Amino acid sequence: MAISCTSSYVLILISIVFTSIAPSLASNKVTDTEIKQLCSKTKNLAVCYKLLKSDHRTANVDAKGLADISVDLAYNKAHKIHSQLNSFAKTTRDPHLKNIYNSCSKNYEDAIHDIEVAKKNLKSSVYKSMPVQVKDTSEEIKSCENLFKGASSNDHAHIKKKNQDFEFLVSIVEIMATTGDQMNFHVLQVCDGMGWLVGFDEGEWEWI
């Protein structure tokens, strides 16, 4: 919708980065202090920090790059557990465990798909959709965990522990998705006193 105005108006492009670390993280290299600040939101700061630093790329990445690393860590872990579950299902002689391993394998297969979608959204800067994939991934883990309730004595493959390790990696991705969100918008100053017109990434405009 066109807006008429007898006097001049100013088009101002503003880029705002919403992070819990610092506004400059979107373009600057993330420091160790900032990584620790992020990891302080997890259940174990030290383990989170160690995991992120285990990737050589962490030394030279910005906030988005760090988020990409967290997704890769979760993705690789999910693949490893998925392969192990398939192997355990083939070798176990316990019919009950075989069913559990096969069911959990399907859970991890779906979790891997969710992480792949999250990675695509991150690459395309569609940050607002990432929490959806994180939530779906967490649900898959819970489904697998529920299968082992009351079967602790038979969990020789330590799948419950593997689930916990993967769940922790997913929690790091969740933090990246919720605190590393980025949003660009335009602000149009209209000279007839109507106020400010704000255009969001979705292509919508709103008066404020």
Protein backbone atom coordinates (compact mmCIF):
# COMPACT_ATOMS: atom_id res chain seq x y z
CA MET A 1 0.00 0.00 0.00
CA ALA A 2 1.51 3.36 -1.05
CA ILE A 3 1.77 6.16 1.53
CA SER A 4 1.59 9.74 0.27
CA CYS A 5 3.47 12.53 1.97
CA THR A 6 3.98 16.20 1.04
CA SER A 7 7.36 16.49 2.68
CA SER A 8 10.41 14.30 2.55
CA TYR A 9 10.81 11.04 4.38
CA VAL A 10 13.85 9.04 5.37
CA LEU A 11 14.37 5.34 4.74
CA ILE A 12 16.58 3.85 7.43
CA LEU A 13 17.91 0.33 7.24
CA ILE A 14 18.49 -1.14 10.66
CA SER A 15 19.96 -4.55 11.30
CA ILE A 16 19.39 -5.83 14.81
CA VAL A 17 21.04 -8.95 16.14
CA PHE A 18 19.33 -10.56 19.11
CA THR A 19 21.86 -12.62 21.04
CA SER A 20 22.49 -13.25 24.70
CA ILE A 21 26.19 -12.64 24.24
CA ALA A 22 26.75 -9.35 22.41
CA PRO A 23 25.20 -7.49 19.46
CA SER A 24 28.39 -7.84 17.41
CA LEU A 25 28.50 -11.63 17.44
CA ALA A 26 26.76 -12.01 14.09
CA SER A 27 29.85 -10.74 12.27
CA ASN A 28 32.71 -11.09 14.76
CA LYS A 29 34.64 -14.10 15.96
CA VAL A 30 33.16 -15.63 19.09
CA THR A 31 35.50 -15.45 22.09
CA ASP A 32 36.07 -18.11 24.73
CA THR A 33 34.28 -15.91 27.26
CA GLU A 34 31.23 -15.68 25.03
CA ILE A 35 31.21 -19.45 24.46
CA LYS A 36 31.28 -19.96 28.22
CA GLN A 37 28.42 -17.50 28.62
CA LEU A 38 26.39 -19.58 26.21
CA CYS A 39 27.39 -22.83 27.87
CA SER A 40 26.40 -21.44 31.28
CA LYS A 41 22.81 -21.87 30.09
CA THR A 42 23.29 -25.64 29.84
CA LYS A 43 23.33 -28.17 32.69
CA ASN A 44 27.10 -28.50 32.49
CA LEU A 45 29.17 -25.50 31.41
CA ALA A 46 32.48 -27.39 31.36
CA VAL A 47 31.22 -30.25 29.20
CA CYS A 48 29.46 -27.87 26.81
CA TYR A 49 32.60 -25.77 26.43
CA LYS A 50 34.76 -28.85 25.87
CA LEU A 51 32.39 -30.20 23.22
CA LEU A 52 32.26 -26.95 21.27
CA LYS A 53 36.02 -26.46 21.51
CA SER A 54 36.61 -30.01 20.28
CA ASP A 55 35.78 -28.78 16.77
CA HIS A 56 38.76 -26.99 15.22
CA ARG A 57 36.41 -24.52 13.50
CA THR A 58 35.39 -23.01 16.84
CA ALA A 59 38.59 -20.96 16.95
CA ASN A 60 37.51 -18.83 14.00
CA VAL A 61 33.72 -18.66 13.82
CA ASP A 62 31.01 -16.09 14.47
CA ALA A 63 27.73 -16.81 16.28
CA LYS A 64 26.13 -18.45 13.27
CA GLY A 65 29.21 -20.59 12.72
CA LEU A 66 29.12 -21.71 16.35
CA ALA A 67 25.47 -22.65 15.96
CA ASP A 68 26.40 -24.67 12.87
CA ILE A 69 29.05 -26.52 14.87
CA SER A 70 26.55 -27.37 17.61
CA VAL A 71 24.18 -28.80 14.99
CA ASP A 72 26.99 -30.84 13.44
CA LEU A 73 27.97 -32.26 16.84
CA ALA A 74 24.40 -33.38 17.49
CA TYR A 75 24.05 -34.73 13.95
CA ASN A 76 27.23 -36.80 14.17
CA LYS A 77 26.28 -38.16 17.58
CA ALA A 78 22.82 -39.15 16.34
CA HIS A 79 24.35 -40.98 13.37
CA LYS A 80 26.76 -42.86 15.63
CA ILE A 81 24.03 -43.98 18.02
CA HIS A 82 21.74 -44.91 15.15
CA SER A 83 24.42 -47.18 13.69
CA GLN A 84 25.07 -48.75 17.09
CA LEU A 85 21.38 -49.44 17.62
CA ASN A 86 21.16 -51.21 14.27
CA SER A 87 24.19 -53.28 15.16
CA PHE A 88 22.82 -54.19 18.60
CA ALA A 89 19.48 -55.17 17.08
CA LYS A 90 21.25 -57.62 14.78
CA THR A 91 23.47 -59.23 17.43
CA THR A 92 21.27 -59.45 20.53
CA ARG A 93 19.61 -62.76 21.35
CA ASP A 94 17.00 -61.08 23.53
CA PRO A 95 13.76 -60.62 21.50
CA HIS A 96 12.58 -57.85 23.84
CA LEU A 97 15.81 -55.89 23.51
CA LYS A 98 15.78 -56.45 19.77
CA ASN A 99 12.40 -54.73 19.54
CA ILE A 100 13.61 -51.87 21.73
CA TYR A 101 16.75 -51.37 19.67
CA ASN A 102 14.74 -51.37 16.44
CA SER A 103 12.23 -48.89 17.81
CA CYS A 104 14.97 -46.60 19.11
CA SER A 105 16.71 -46.86 15.76
CA LYS A 106 13.57 -45.48 14.13
CA ASN A 107 13.48 -42.68 16.72
CA TYR A 108 17.04 -41.73 15.86
CA GLU A 109 16.33 -41.95 12.15
CA ASP A 110 13.58 -39.36 12.64
CA ALA A 111 15.81 -37.28 14.92
CA ILE A 112 18.50 -37.20 12.23
CA HIS A 113 15.92 -35.92 9.76
CA ASP A 114 14.87 -33.18 12.21
CA ILE A 115 18.49 -32.10 12.67
CA GLU A 116 19.00 -32.02 8.89
CA VAL A 117 16.03 -29.67 8.58
CA ALA A 118 17.40 -27.51 11.41
CA LYS A 119 20.75 -27.30 9.61
CA LYS A 120 19.02 -26.19 6.40
CA ASN A 121 17.07 -23.56 8.32
CA LEU A 122 20.26 -22.30 9.94
CA LYS A 123 21.98 -22.08 6.57
CA SER A 124 19.00 -20.13 5.18
CA SER A 125 18.83 -17.94 8.33
CA VAL A 126 15.31 -19.20 9.11
CA TYR A 127 16.08 -19.15 12.83
CA LYS A 128 12.50 -18.98 14.08
CA SER A 129 11.81 -22.50 12.76
CA MET A 130 14.78 -24.15 14.46
CA PRO A 131 13.13 -24.55 17.90
CA VAL A 132 10.47 -26.67 16.18
CA GLN A 133 13.07 -29.16 14.95
CA VAL A 134 14.78 -29.12 18.34
CA LYS A 135 11.49 -29.92 20.06
CA ASP A 136 10.76 -32.74 17.61
CA THR A 137 14.25 -34.17 18.15
CA SER A 138 13.78 -34.08 21.93
CA GLU A 139 10.48 -35.93 21.58
CA GLU A 140 12.22 -38.71 19.64
CA ILE A 141 14.80 -39.08 22.42
CA LYS A 142 12.08 -39.25 25.06
CA SER A 143 10.28 -41.95 23.07
CA CYS A 144 13.45 -44.04 23.02
CA GLU A 145 14.08 -43.41 26.72
CA ASN A 146 10.56 -44.55 27.61
CA LEU A 147 11.23 -47.91 25.99
CA PHE A 148 14.02 -48.58 28.49
CA LYS A 149 11.99 -47.78 31.60
CA GLY A 150 12.17 -50.78 33.87
CA ALA A 151 14.74 -52.46 31.63
CA SER A 152 17.89 -51.00 33.18
CA SER A 153 19.35 -54.41 34.03
CA ASN A 154 19.20 -55.42 30.36
CA ASP A 155 20.67 -52.22 28.93
CA HIS A 156 24.09 -53.72 28.31
CA ALA A 157 24.65 -51.33 25.40
CA HIS A 158 24.15 -48.34 27.73
CA ILE A 159 21.60 -46.75 25.41
CA LYS A 160 20.13 -44.67 28.23
CA LYS A 161 23.53 -43.04 28.78
CA LYS A 162 23.91 -42.49 25.03
CA ASN A 163 20.46 -40.88 24.98
CA GLN A 164 21.52 -38.51 27.76
CA ASP A 165 24.70 -37.55 25.92
CA PHE A 166 22.75 -36.85 22.74
CA GLU A 167 20.07 -34.96 24.65
CA PHE A 168 22.76 -32.69 26.09
CA LEU A 169 24.03 -31.89 22.58
CA VAL A 170 20.47 -31.12 21.50
CA SER A 171 20.14 -28.75 24.46
CA ILE A 172 23.15 -26.82 23.15
CA VAL A 173 21.49 -26.54 19.74
CA GLU A 174 18.34 -25.30 21.47
CA ILE A 175 20.28 -22.55 23.22
CA MET A 176 21.85 -21.52 19.92
CA ALA A 177 18.42 -21.48 18.27
CA THR A 178 16.75 -19.40 20.97
CA THR A 179 19.50 -16.97 21.99
CA GLY A 180 21.25 -16.63 18.64
CA ASP A 181 18.13 -15.57 16.76
CA GLN A 182 18.69 -12.82 14.21
CA MET A 183 16.10 -10.48 12.75
CA ASN A 184 16.44 -7.69 10.20
CA PHE A 185 13.85 -5.01 9.68
CA HIS A 186 13.37 -1.69 7.90
CA VAL A 187 12.01 1.47 9.49
CA LEU A 188 10.31 4.18 7.46
CA GLN A 189 9.87 7.59 9.06
CA VAL A 190 6.71 9.14 7.64
CA CYS A 191 6.60 12.92 7.71
CA ASP A 192 2.85 13.38 8.15
CA GLY A 193 3.01 12.39 11.80
CA MET A 194 1.61 8.88 11.40
CA GLY A 195 4.62 7.40 13.14
CA TRP A 196 7.10 4.69 12.17
CA LEU A 197 6.44 1.93 9.67
CA VAL A 198 8.31 -1.26 10.46
CA GLY A 199 8.91 -3.99 7.87
CA PHE A 200 9.85 -7.41 9.22
CA ASP A 201 11.68 -10.27 7.49
CA GLU A 202 8.40 -11.99 6.71
CA GLY A 203 7.48 -9.10 4.41
CA GLU A 204 4.86 -7.70 6.77
CA TRP A 205 4.58 -4.00 7.68
CA GLU A 206 3.31 -2.55 10.91
CA TRP A 207 2.85 0.94 12.35
CA ILE A 208 4.47 1.64 15.73
